PDB file of N, CA and C in Angstrom:
ATOM      1  N   MET A   1      50.574-129.328 105.042  1.00  0.00           N
ATOM      2  CA  MET A   1      50.695-128.586 106.282  1.00  0.00           C
ATOM      3  C   MET A   1      51.991-128.967 106.980  1.00  0.00           C
ATOM      4  N   ALA A   2      52.642-127.979 107.510  1.00  0.00           N
ATOM      5  CA  ALA A   2      53.891-128.217 108.237  1.00  0.00           C
ATOM      6  C   ALA A   2      53.591-128.855 109.583  1.00  0.00           C
ATOM      7  N   ASP A   3      54.540-129.582 110.101  1.00  0.00           N
ATOM      8  CA  ASP A   3      54.390-130.177 111.421  1.00  0.00           C
ATOM      9  C   ASP A   3      54.873-129.174 112.447  1.00  0.00           C
ATOM     10  N   ASN A   4      53.935-128.530 113.117  1.00  0.00           N
ATOM     11  CA  ASN A   4      54.255-127.478 114.076  1.00  0.00           C
ATOM     12  C   ASN A   4      54.095-127.944 115.510  1.00  0.00           C
ATOM     13  N   THR A   5      54.069-129.236 115.742  1.00  0.00           N
ATOM     14  CA  THR A   5      53.875-129.738 117.087  1.00  0.00           C
ATOM     15  C   THR A   5      55.001-129.240 117.983  1.00  0.00           C
ATOM     16  N   SER A   6      54.637-128.508 118.996  1.00  0.00           N
ATOM     17  CA  SER A   6      55.639-127.999 119.923  1.00  0.00           C
ATOM     18  C   SER A   6      54.960-127.533 121.189  1.00  0.00           C
ATOM     19  N   GLN A   7      55.747-127.206 122.173  1.00  0.00           N
ATOM     20  CA  GLN A   7      55.248-126.687 123.431  1.00  0.00           C
ATOM     21  C   GLN A   7      55.400-125.176 123.442  1.00  0.00           C
ATOM     22  N   PHE A   8      54.355-124.479 123.771  1.00  0.00           N
ATOM     23  CA  PHE A   8      54.384-123.038 123.966  1.00  0.00           C
ATOM     24  C   PHE A   8      54.156-122.773 125.443  1.00  0.00           C
ATOM     25  N   SER A   9      54.738-121.712 125.944  1.00  0.00           N
ATOM     26  CA  SER A   9      54.565-121.341 127.338  1.00  0.00           C
ATOM     27  C   SER A   9      53.082-121.190 127.652  1.00  0.00           C
ATOM     28  N   GLY A  10      52.614-121.818 128.720  1.00  0.00           N
ATOM     29  CA  GLY A  10      51.214-121.714 129.118  1.00  0.00           C
ATOM     30  C   GLY A  10      50.312-122.743 128.465  1.00  0.00           C
ATOM     31  N   VAL A  11      50.880-123.598 127.630  1.00  0.00           N
ATOM     32  CA  VAL A  11      50.116-124.646 126.954  1.00  0.00           C
ATOM     33  C   VAL A  11      50.579-125.979 127.523  1.00  0.00           C
ATOM     34  N   SER A  12      49.641-126.775 128.025  1.00  0.00           N
ATOM     35  CA  SER A  12      50.030-127.997 128.732  1.00  0.00           C
ATOM     36  C   SER A  12      50.256-129.191 127.812  1.00  0.00           C
ATOM     37  N   GLY A  13      49.667-129.185 126.623  1.00  0.00           N
ATOM     38  CA  GLY A  13      49.828-130.305 125.700  1.00  0.00           C
ATOM     39  C   GLY A  13      50.402-129.844 124.383  1.00  0.00           C
ATOM     40  N   SER A  14      50.502-130.772 123.450  1.00  0.00           N
ATOM     41  CA  SER A  14      51.062-130.427 122.149  1.00  0.00           C
ATOM     42  C   SER A  14      49.988-129.804 121.261  1.00  0.00           C
ATOM     43  N   VAL A  15      50.396-128.780 120.538  1.00  0.00           N
ATOM     44  CA  VAL A  15      49.503-128.083 119.621  1.00  0.00           C
ATOM     45  C   VAL A  15      50.196-128.032 118.274  1.00  0.00           C
ATOM     46  N   GLY A  16      49.527-128.432 117.236  1.00  0.00           N
ATOM     47  CA  GLY A  16      50.093-128.421 115.895  1.00  0.00           C
ATOM     48  C   GLY A  16      49.423-129.450 115.019  1.00  0.00           C
ATOM     49  N   THR A  17      49.896-129.584 113.800  1.00  0.00           N
ATOM     50  CA  THR A  17      49.256-130.507 112.868  1.00  0.00           C
ATOM     51  C   THR A  17      49.313-131.957 113.354  1.00  0.00           C
ATOM     52  N   SER A  18      50.326-132.304 114.132  1.00  0.00           N
ATOM     53  CA  SER A  18      50.430-133.658 114.683  1.00  0.00           C
ATOM     54  C   SER A  18      50.216-133.663 116.185  1.00  0.00           C
ATOM     55  N   GLY A  19      49.699-132.564 116.714  1.00  0.00           N
ATOM     56  CA  GLY A  19      49.532-132.426 118.158  1.00  0.00           C
ATOM     57  C   GLY A  19      48.211-132.972 118.663  1.00  0.00           C
ATOM     58  N   MET A  20      48.095-133.000 119.977  1.00  0.00           N
ATOM     59  CA  MET A  20      46.854-133.430 120.631  1.00  0.00           C
ATOM     60  C   MET A  20      45.744-132.399 120.418  1.00  0.00           C
ATOM     61  N   ASN A  21      46.120-131.127 120.355  1.00  0.00           N
ATOM     62  CA  ASN A  21      45.201-130.021 120.067  1.00  0.00           C
ATOM     63  C   ASN A  21      43.979-129.978 120.975  1.00  0.00           C
ATOM     64  N   ASN A  22      44.244-130.095 122.282  1.00  0.00           N
ATOM     65  CA  ASN A  22      43.178-129.897 123.252  1.00  0.00           C
ATOM     66  C   ASN A  22      42.629-128.486 123.039  1.00  0.00           C
ATOM     67  N   PRO A  23      41.308-128.323 122.933  1.00  0.00           N
ATOM     68  CA  PRO A  23      40.741-126.999 122.668  1.00  0.00           C
ATOM     69  C   PRO A  23      41.216-125.909 123.624  1.00  0.00           C
ATOM     70  N   ASN A  24      41.406-126.241 124.901  1.00  0.00           N
ATOM     71  CA  ASN A  24      41.884-125.230 125.856  1.00  0.00           C
ATOM     72  C   ASN A  24      43.324-124.818 125.556  1.00  0.00           C
ATOM     73  N   ASP A  25      44.147-125.772 125.128  1.00  0.00           N
ATOM     74  CA  ASP A  25      45.523-125.452 124.755  1.00  0.00           C
ATOM     75  C   ASP A  25      45.558-124.611 123.487  1.00  0.00           C
ATOM     76  N   VAL A  26      44.723-124.965 122.516  1.00  0.00           N
ATOM     77  CA  VAL A  26      44.678-124.202 121.270  1.00  0.00           C
ATOM     78  C   VAL A  26      44.203-122.777 121.560  1.00  0.00           C
ATOM     79  N   LYS A  27      43.181-122.641 122.422  1.00  0.00           N
ATOM     80  CA  LYS A  27      42.710-121.300 122.797  1.00  0.00           C
ATOM     81  C   LYS A  27      43.814-120.495 123.470  1.00  0.00           C
ATOM     82  N   ALA A  28      44.586-121.149 124.346  1.00  0.00           N
ATOM     83  CA  ALA A  28      45.684-120.450 125.031  1.00  0.00           C
ATOM     84  C   ALA A  28      46.720-119.973 124.016  1.00  0.00           C
ATOM     85  N   LEU A  29      47.059-120.817 123.047  1.00  0.00           N
ATOM     86  CA  LEU A  29      48.004-120.430 122.003  1.00  0.00           C
ATOM     87  C   LEU A  29      47.432-119.279 121.175  1.00  0.00           C
ATOM     88  N   GLN A  30      46.174-119.396 120.790  1.00  0.00           N
ATOM     89  CA  GLN A  30      45.549-118.334 119.992  1.00  0.00           C
ATOM     90  C   GLN A  30      45.553-117.015 120.762  1.00  0.00           C
ATOM     91  N   LYS A  31      45.275-117.071 122.058  1.00  0.00           N
ATOM     92  CA  LYS A  31      45.285-115.852 122.875  1.00  0.00           C
ATOM     93  C   LYS A  31      46.679-115.251 122.935  1.00  0.00           C
ATOM     94  N   MET A  32      47.717-116.089 123.083  1.00  0.00           N
ATOM     95  CA  MET A  32      49.097-115.580 123.104  1.00  0.00           C
ATOM     96  C   MET A  32      49.425-114.868 121.793  1.00  0.00           C
ATOM     97  N   ILE A  33      49.010-115.466 120.698  1.00  0.00           N
ATOM     98  CA  ILE A  33      49.281-114.888 119.383  1.00  0.00           C
ATOM     99  C   ILE A  33      48.543-113.559 119.229  1.00  0.00           C
ATOM    100  N   ILE A  34      47.290-113.522 119.633  1.00  0.00           N
ATOM    101  CA  ILE A  34      46.494-112.289 119.551  1.00  0.00           C
ATOM    102  C   ILE A  34      47.093-111.218 120.454  1.00  0.00           C
ATOM    103  N   ASP A  35      47.429-111.595 121.695  1.00  0.00           N
ATOM    104  CA  ASP A  35      47.994-110.637 122.658  1.00  0.00           C
ATOM    105  C   ASP A  35      49.344-110.092 122.198  1.00  0.00           C
ATOM    106  N   ALA A  36      50.060-110.863 121.380  1.00  0.00           N
ATOM    107  CA  ALA A  36      51.352-110.412 120.862  1.00  0.00           C
ATOM    108  C   ALA A  36      51.172-109.426 119.710  1.00  0.00           C
ATOM    109  N   GLY A  37      49.934-109.188 119.298  1.00  0.00           N
ATOM    110  CA  GLY A  37      49.653-108.206 118.257  1.00  0.00           C
ATOM    111  C   GLY A  37      49.627-108.769 116.853  1.00  0.00           C
ATOM    112  N   TYR A  38      49.528-110.077 116.723  1.00  0.00           N
ATOM    113  CA  TYR A  38      49.569-110.707 115.408  1.00  0.00           C
ATOM    114  C   TYR A  38      48.502-110.148 114.466  1.00  0.00           C
ATOM    115  N   ASN A  39      47.278-109.996 114.948  1.00  0.00           N
ATOM    116  CA  ASN A  39      46.209-109.499 114.071  1.00  0.00           C
ATOM    117  C   ASN A  39      46.527-108.102 113.554  1.00  0.00           C
ATOM    118  N   HIS A  40      47.031-107.272 114.429  1.00  0.00           N
ATOM    119  CA  HIS A  40      47.336-105.898 114.047  1.00  0.00           C
ATOM    120  C   HIS A  40      48.528-105.841 113.080  1.00  0.00           C
ATOM    121  N   ILE A  41      49.574-106.586 113.404  1.00  0.00           N
ATOM    122  CA  ILE A  41      50.804-106.555 112.617  1.00  0.00           C
ATOM    123  C   ILE A  41      50.603-107.206 111.246  1.00  0.00           C
ATOM    124  N   ARG A  42      49.949-108.330 111.212  1.00  0.00           N
ATOM    125  CA  ARG A  42      49.815-109.106 109.975  1.00  0.00           C
ATOM    126  C   ARG A  42      48.529-108.779 109.213  1.00  0.00           C
ATOM    127  N   GLY A  43      47.618-108.041 109.833  1.00  0.00           N
ATOM    128  CA  GLY A  43      46.355-107.736 109.181  1.00  0.00           C
ATOM    129  C   GLY A  43      45.443-108.950 109.082  1.00  0.00           C
ATOM    130  N   ASN A  44      45.659-109.909 109.950  1.00  0.00           N
ATOM    131  CA  ASN A  44      44.853-111.128 109.954  1.00  0.00           C
ATOM    132  C   ASN A  44      43.747-111.032 110.988  1.00  0.00           C
ATOM    133  N   ASN A  45      42.900-112.022 110.991  1.00  0.00           N
ATOM    134  CA  ASN A  45      41.788-112.036 111.925  1.00  0.00           C
ATOM    135  C   ASN A  45      41.713-113.378 112.643  1.00  0.00           C
ATOM    136  N   ILE A  46      42.812-113.770 113.292  1.00  0.00           N
ATOM    137  CA  ILE A  46      42.788-115.007 114.065  1.00  0.00           C
ATOM    138  C   ILE A  46      41.910-114.770 115.300  1.00  0.00           C
ATOM    139  N   ARG A  47      41.099-115.771 115.617  1.00  0.00           N
ATOM    140  CA  ARG A  47      40.221-115.691 116.786  1.00  0.00           C
ATOM    141  C   ARG A  47      40.520-116.851 117.719  1.00  0.00           C
ATOM    142  N   SER A  48      40.170-116.684 118.973  1.00  0.00           N
ATOM    143  CA  SER A  48      40.386-117.716 119.976  1.00  0.00           C
ATOM    144  C   SER A  48      39.182-118.667 119.978  1.00  0.00           C
ATOM    145  N   THR A  49      39.229-119.659 119.066  1.00  0.00           N
ATOM    146  CA  THR A  49      38.112-120.591 118.899  1.00  0.00           C
ATOM    147  C   THR A  49      38.370-121.954 119.527  1.00  0.00           C
ATOM    148  N   GLY A  50      39.640-122.282 119.746  1.00  0.00           N
ATOM    149  CA  GLY A  50      39.985-123.603 120.256  1.00  0.00           C
ATOM    150  C   GLY A  50      40.168-124.628 119.160  1.00  0.00           C
ATOM    151  N   LYS A  51      40.030-124.207 117.894  1.00  0.00           N
ATOM    152  CA  LYS A  51      40.212-125.115 116.760  1.00  0.00           C
ATOM    153  C   LYS A  51      41.543-124.798 116.082  1.00  0.00           C
ATOM    154  N   TYR A  52      42.338-125.832 115.824  1.00  0.00           N
ATOM    155  CA  TYR A  52      43.616-125.640 115.147  1.00  0.00           C
ATOM    156  C   TYR A  52      43.346-125.643 113.640  1.00  0.00           C
ATOM    157  N   ASP A  53      43.023-124.482 113.129  1.00  0.00           N
ATOM    158  CA  ASP A  53      42.660-124.315 111.734  1.00  0.00           C
ATOM    159  C   ASP A  53      43.848-123.756 110.942  1.00  0.00           C
ATOM    160  N   PRO A  54      43.713-123.603 109.622  1.00  0.00           N
ATOM    161  CA  PRO A  54      44.838-123.098 108.811  1.00  0.00           C
ATOM    162  C   PRO A  54      45.345-121.724 109.259  1.00  0.00           C
ATOM    163  N   GLU A  55      44.454-120.844 109.711  1.00  0.00           N
ATOM    164  CA  GLU A  55      44.879-119.529 110.193  1.00  0.00           C
ATOM    165  C   GLU A  55      45.740-119.660 111.441  1.00  0.00           C
ATOM    166  N   THR A  56      45.335-120.565 112.337  1.00  0.00           N
ATOM    167  CA  THR A  56      46.110-120.792 113.562  1.00  0.00           C
ATOM    168  C   THR A  56      47.456-121.415 113.223  1.00  0.00           C
ATOM    169  N   GLU A  57      47.471-122.330 112.273  1.00  0.00           N
ATOM    170  CA  GLU A  57      48.734-122.951 111.875  1.00  0.00           C
ATOM    171  C   GLU A  57      49.714-121.898 111.352  1.00  0.00           C
ATOM    172  N   ALA A  58      49.252-121.064 110.439  1.00  0.00           N
ATOM    173  CA  ALA A  58      50.132-120.030 109.870  1.00  0.00           C
ATOM    174  C   ALA A  58      50.611-119.075 110.958  1.00  0.00           C
ATOM    175  N   ALA A  59      49.711-118.680 111.840  1.00  0.00           N
ATOM    176  CA  ALA A  59      50.072-117.758 112.912  1.00  0.00           C
ATOM    177  C   ALA A  59      51.041-118.409 113.895  1.00  0.00           C
ATOM    178  N   SER A  60      50.855-119.693 114.194  1.00  0.00           N
ATOM    179  CA  SER A  60      51.738-120.356 115.163  1.00  0.00           C
ATOM    180  C   SER A  60      53.159-120.482 114.616  1.00  0.00           C
ATOM    181  N   VAL A  61      53.289-120.706 113.320  1.00  0.00           N
ATOM    182  CA  VAL A  61      54.622-120.777 112.710  1.00  0.00           C
ATOM    183  C   VAL A  61      55.312-119.422 112.839  1.00  0.00           C
ATOM    184  N   ARG A  62      54.598-118.365 112.499  1.00  0.00           N
ATOM    185  CA  ARG A  62      55.187-117.016 112.586  1.00  0.00           C
ATOM    186  C   ARG A  62      55.476-116.655 114.052  1.00  0.00           C
ATOM    187  N   TYR A  63      54.580-117.002 114.949  1.00  0.00           N
ATOM    188  CA  TYR A  63      54.758-116.698 116.374  1.00  0.00           C
ATOM    189  C   TYR A  63      55.969-117.433 116.921  1.00  0.00           C
ATOM    190  N   ARG A  64      56.068-118.716 116.587  1.00  0.00           N
ATOM    191  CA  ARG A  64      57.201-119.533 117.070  1.00  0.00           C
ATOM    192  C   ARG A  64      58.513-118.962 116.548  1.00  0.00           C
ATOM    193  N   ASP A  65      58.541-118.585 115.280  1.00  0.00           N
ATOM    194  CA  ASP A  65      59.763-118.034 114.698  1.00  0.00           C
ATOM    195  C   ASP A  65      60.086-116.654 115.250  1.00  0.00           C
ATOM    196  N   TRP A  66      59.062-115.924 115.672  1.00  0.00           N
ATOM    197  CA  TRP A  66      59.211-114.573 116.190  1.00  0.00           C
ATOM    198  C   TRP A  66      59.688-114.587 117.622  1.00  0.00           C
ATOM    199  N   GLU A  67      59.221-115.547 118.412  1.00  0.00           N
ATOM    200  CA  GLU A  67      59.527-115.637 119.845  1.00  0.00           C
ATOM    201  C   GLU A  67      61.016-115.723 120.087  1.00  0.00           C
TER     202      GLU A  67
END
């Protein structure tokens, strides 16, 4: 897994493979990714669960690179 620890707008702590991954921060990141249309564009089904899972990791890398 890549080290995606970084700060995203609206996220108060670190989220990523080496991050603190507070569930509220992960949910905020997941919501940003969903609101940006990631599910529609990529055909994925990321959900706002608060868990930093492999789907969230892949989406966060693409989101970060897209931003």
